[in-house]
Amino acid sequence: MELTNRQTSCKRNNLFCRCLATIGLSVVVLLSCACDVQRRKSDAELGLNPQQAAGRKLYDQHCDRCHEPYSSHDKKGRSLQGVFKKQFLSQSGMPANDERVGEMILSGRNMMPAFGQVMSQQQVQDLLAYLHTL
């Protein structure tokens, strides 16, 4: 009878250890997935000038819900990280310059709404200045 109690006790301990190992592994996986999340940097930490900071506010208000600024991960729309660091825009193949990107902001494209009725020309320039920092 005593042997059975020991066996039962060992089985419980073994099960407990397995549960702890599974929980520990789950925590490690969750933490490694969360490594991409970073604290949002201030305008000063990013070295933004007043025009770029104004553009960042516009980005937060109109663009962030669909476009990721500081990550290569896409949301509903393409990530805008490094948008002006390439010669051509990845999806349309159009030149990656202020004229073309500004045109897309004002007129929209595919699923992206037009902001020509929402933003002034100065606001578009501010937004473009910020996009150059990404």
Foldseek 3Di string as FASTA:
>chain_A
DVVVVVVVVVVVVVVVVVVVVVVVVVVVVVVVVCPVDDDDDDCVVLVHDPLLNLLVVVCVVAPVQFEAEPDQDGRVHGHLDCLQVDQAGDPPRHGSDLVVVLCCQQPPDDPGHHCVVPDDPSNSVSNVSNSVSD
